[in-house]
């Protein structure tokens, strides 16, 4: 009986060691996987930020694109979150800035994160954010209100039939998001 128990313990030990090694390998592979994801989506890609700076040298002043701004909150949580302006007319190739205002009404200090979306999907590759509050989690004190800028460029290579782009954000309280997942 003790031989069976020892054999079972060895098998369990080897399996646990395999899981630990697999977790280490997965963690090690996350950086290249993140780089591939950034290349595919264009989000967080340093090459795109460099490309955005070169776009600024050749703006298309003859063309105007409407950029709409939408702010949304999940059904749970206590925040105020809105863009300062609902839309603006932009010339592709020029750098623009728009502010979103958030106010923490949760009654506690917390951290929040904005998740962006660009619509229509075909415009995503041509809309480049050079600075955005969505890049990092935002720490808020109780009742703190803050203006948060987004700097962006619309690539002049945007297809001509696309004359309207919507930039939307969902603003999640990290505590609320974690509680909603449980």
Protein backbone atom coordinates (compact mmCIF):
# COMPACT_ATOMS: atom_id res chain seq x y z
CA UNK A 1 0.00 0.00 0.00
CA UNK A 2 2.82 2.40 0.81
CA UNK A 3 4.38 1.68 -2.62
CA UNK A 4 1.13 2.75 -4.33
CA UNK A 5 1.00 5.89 -2.22
CA UNK A 6 4.64 6.72 -3.05
CA UNK A 7 3.99 6.15 -6.77
CA UNK A 8 0.88 8.34 -6.64
CA UNK A 9 2.83 11.07 -4.84
CA UNK A 10 5.61 10.95 -7.46
CA UNK A 11 3.07 11.23 -10.27
CA UNK A 12 1.37 14.15 -8.54
CA UNK A 13 4.75 15.84 -7.97
CA UNK A 14 5.68 15.43 -11.64
CA UNK A 15 2.31 16.78 -12.77
CA UNK A 16 2.59 19.80 -10.47
CA UNK A 17 6.13 20.40 -11.71
CA UNK A 18 4.81 20.22 -15.30
CA UNK A 19 2.10 22.77 -14.48
CA UNK A 20 4.66 25.09 -12.88
CA UNK A 21 6.97 24.82 -15.90
CA UNK A 22 4.03 25.39 -18.26
CA UNK A 23 3.01 28.50 -16.32
CA UNK A 24 6.58 29.80 -16.46
CA UNK A 25 6.77 29.17 -20.21
CA UNK A 26 3.43 30.90 -20.75
CA UNK A 27 4.56 33.92 -18.71
CA UNK A 28 7.81 34.04 -20.66
CA UNK A 29 5.87 33.93 -23.97
CA UNK A 30 3.49 36.76 -23.00
CA UNK A 31 5.86 39.54 -24.09
CA UNK A 32 6.24 38.29 -27.70
CA UNK A 33 2.52 37.47 -27.81
CA UNK A 34 1.73 41.03 -26.65
CA UNK A 35 3.99 42.43 -29.38
CA UNK A 36 2.19 40.33 -32.00
CA UNK A 37 -1.20 41.49 -30.69
CA UNK A 38 -0.02 45.12 -30.82
CA UNK A 39 1.19 44.65 -34.40
CA UNK A 40 -2.15 43.14 -35.44
CA UNK A 41 -4.37 45.73 -33.73
CA UNK A 42 -2.11 48.79 -33.93
CA UNK A 43 -2.76 49.53 -30.24
CA UNK A 44 0.27 50.26 -28.06
CA UNK A 45 2.63 49.78 -30.99
CA UNK A 46 5.68 52.07 -30.80
CA UNK A 47 6.13 51.86 -34.59
CA UNK A 48 2.65 53.34 -35.04
CA UNK A 49 3.48 56.21 -32.70
CA UNK A 50 6.55 56.97 -34.82
CA UNK A 51 4.41 56.70 -37.96
CA UNK A 52 1.88 59.11 -36.40
CA UNK A 53 4.64 61.69 -35.93
CA UNK A 54 5.59 61.42 -39.62
CA UNK A 55 1.93 61.83 -40.63
CA UNK A 56 1.98 65.28 -39.03
CA UNK A 57 4.35 66.46 -41.76
CA UNK A 58 1.75 65.91 -44.53
CA UNK A 59 -1.74 66.97 -43.39
CA UNK A 60 -4.65 66.89 -45.83
CA UNK A 61 -6.25 70.31 -45.29
CA UNK A 62 -8.63 69.79 -48.23
CA UNK A 63 -10.44 66.95 -46.43
CA UNK A 64 -12.56 67.00 -43.28
CA UNK A 65 -13.51 63.99 -41.15
CA UNK A 66 -16.01 64.11 -38.30
CA UNK A 67 -14.79 62.40 -35.13
CA UNK A 68 -17.49 61.65 -32.56
CA UNK A 69 -16.76 60.98 -28.90
CA UNK A 70 -18.82 58.69 -26.68
CA UNK A 71 -18.32 57.85 -23.01
CA UNK A 72 -20.08 54.91 -21.40
CA UNK A 73 -20.16 53.34 -17.97
CA UNK A 74 -20.96 49.74 -17.08
CA UNK A 75 -24.29 49.13 -15.40
CA UNK A 76 -22.61 48.84 -12.00
CA UNK A 77 -20.51 51.51 -10.31
CA UNK A 78 -20.78 55.17 -9.41
CA UNK A 79 -18.96 57.48 -11.79
CA UNK A 80 -19.56 60.50 -13.95
CA UNK A 81 -17.74 60.19 -17.25
CA UNK A 82 -18.22 62.29 -20.40
CA UNK A 83 -16.35 63.93 -23.27
CA UNK A 84 -16.00 67.73 -23.11
CA UNK A 85 -17.19 67.93 -26.74
CA UNK A 86 -19.41 65.43 -28.57
CA UNK A 87 -17.65 65.74 -31.92
CA UNK A 88 -15.11 67.73 -33.89
CA UNK A 89 -14.13 68.27 -37.50
CA UNK A 90 -10.54 67.21 -38.14
CA UNK A 91 -8.15 67.34 -41.07
CA UNK A 92 -6.32 64.02 -41.59
CA UNK A 93 -2.64 64.29 -40.73
CA UNK A 94 -3.05 66.95 -38.05
CA UNK A 95 -2.67 66.33 -34.33
CA UNK A 96 -5.78 67.01 -32.22
CA UNK A 97 -6.61 66.85 -28.53
CA UNK A 98 -9.91 66.25 -26.79
CA UNK A 99 -10.65 65.95 -23.08
CA UNK A 100 -12.85 63.50 -21.19
CA UNK A 101 -13.91 64.30 -17.64
CA UNK A 102 -14.30 61.61 -14.98
CA UNK A 103 -15.53 61.97 -11.41
CA UNK A 104 -15.24 59.30 -8.74
CA UNK A 105 -18.57 58.96 -6.90
CA UNK A 106 -17.82 55.53 -5.39
CA UNK A 107 -17.25 56.91 -1.89
CA UNK A 108 -13.71 55.51 -1.72
CA UNK A 109 -10.27 55.87 -3.30
CA UNK A 110 -10.09 53.61 -6.33
CA UNK A 111 -8.44 52.85 -9.64
CA UNK A 112 -10.29 52.95 -12.96
CA UNK A 113 -9.44 51.90 -16.50
CA UNK A 114 -10.88 53.07 -19.81
CA UNK A 115 -11.31 50.59 -22.65
CA UNK A 116 -11.35 52.26 -26.10
CA UNK A 117 -13.17 51.33 -29.28
CA UNK A 118 -12.97 52.90 -32.74
CA UNK A 119 -15.85 52.49 -35.19
CA UNK A 120 -16.27 51.66 -37.96
CA UNK A 121 -13.77 48.82 -37.64
CA UNK A 122 -12.14 49.73 -40.97
CA UNK A 123 -11.11 53.08 -39.50
CA UNK A 124 -9.19 51.53 -36.59
CA UNK A 125 -5.97 51.18 -38.58
CA UNK A 126 -6.10 54.89 -39.53
CA UNK A 127 -6.89 56.34 -36.09
CA UNK A 128 -3.78 56.76 -33.97
CA UNK A 129 -3.76 57.89 -30.35
CA UNK A 130 -0.40 59.41 -29.40
CA UNK A 131 -1.45 60.07 -25.80
CA UNK A 132 -4.43 58.60 -23.97
CA UNK A 133 -5.67 58.11 -20.43
CA UNK A 134 -6.66 54.61 -21.58
CA UNK A 135 -3.00 53.54 -21.81
CA UNK A 136 -2.70 53.15 -18.01
CA UNK A 137 -5.03 52.65 -15.02
CA UNK A 138 -6.06 55.92 -13.40
CA UNK A 139 -5.95 56.34 -9.61
CA UNK A 140 -8.75 58.51 -8.20
CA UNK A 141 -9.23 59.81 -4.69
CA UNK A 142 -12.72 59.83 -3.17
CA UNK A 143 -14.87 62.47 -4.99
CA UNK A 144 -11.95 63.47 -7.25
CA UNK A 145 -12.82 64.92 -10.65
CA UNK A 146 -10.26 65.03 -13.43
CA UNK A 147 -9.93 66.13 -17.04
CA UNK A 148 -8.10 63.48 -19.07
CA UNK A 149 -6.70 64.26 -22.55
CA UNK A 150 -6.59 62.13 -25.67
CA UNK A 151 -4.25 63.22 -28.46
CA UNK A 152 -4.87 61.66 -31.84
CA UNK A 153 -4.15 61.79 -35.56
CA UNK A 154 -6.30 60.51 -38.40
CA UNK A 155 -4.06 59.05 -41.09
CA UNK A 156 -4.48 60.83 -44.47
CA UNK A 157 -4.57 57.34 -46.05
CA UNK A 158 -8.05 56.86 -44.51
CA UNK A 159 -10.30 55.70 -47.37
CA UNK A 160 -12.30 58.60 -48.83
CA UNK A 161 -15.65 56.90 -48.20
CA UNK A 162 -14.97 57.03 -44.43
CA UNK A 163 -15.93 60.54 -43.38
CA UNK A 164 -17.07 59.78 -39.82
CA UNK A 165 -15.18 58.01 -37.01
CA UNK A 166 -16.47 57.27 -33.53
CA UNK A 167 -14.09 57.01 -30.58
CA UNK A 168 -15.83 55.49 -27.58
CA UNK A 169 -14.68 54.51 -24.13
CA UNK A 170 -16.15 52.31 -21.43
CA UNK A 171 -14.82 53.45 -18.06
CA UNK A 172 -14.52 50.64 -15.51
CA UNK A 173 -13.87 50.92 -11.81
CA UNK A 174 -11.36 48.11 -11.30
CA UNK A 175 -12.99 47.13 -7.98
CA UNK A 176 -16.44 46.97 -9.63
CA UNK A 177 -15.12 45.03 -12.60
CA UNK A 178 -13.49 42.45 -10.33
CA UNK A 179 -16.68 42.11 -8.27
CA UNK A 180 -18.80 41.69 -11.41
CA UNK A 181 -16.57 38.83 -12.60
CA UNK A 182 -16.96 36.90 -9.36
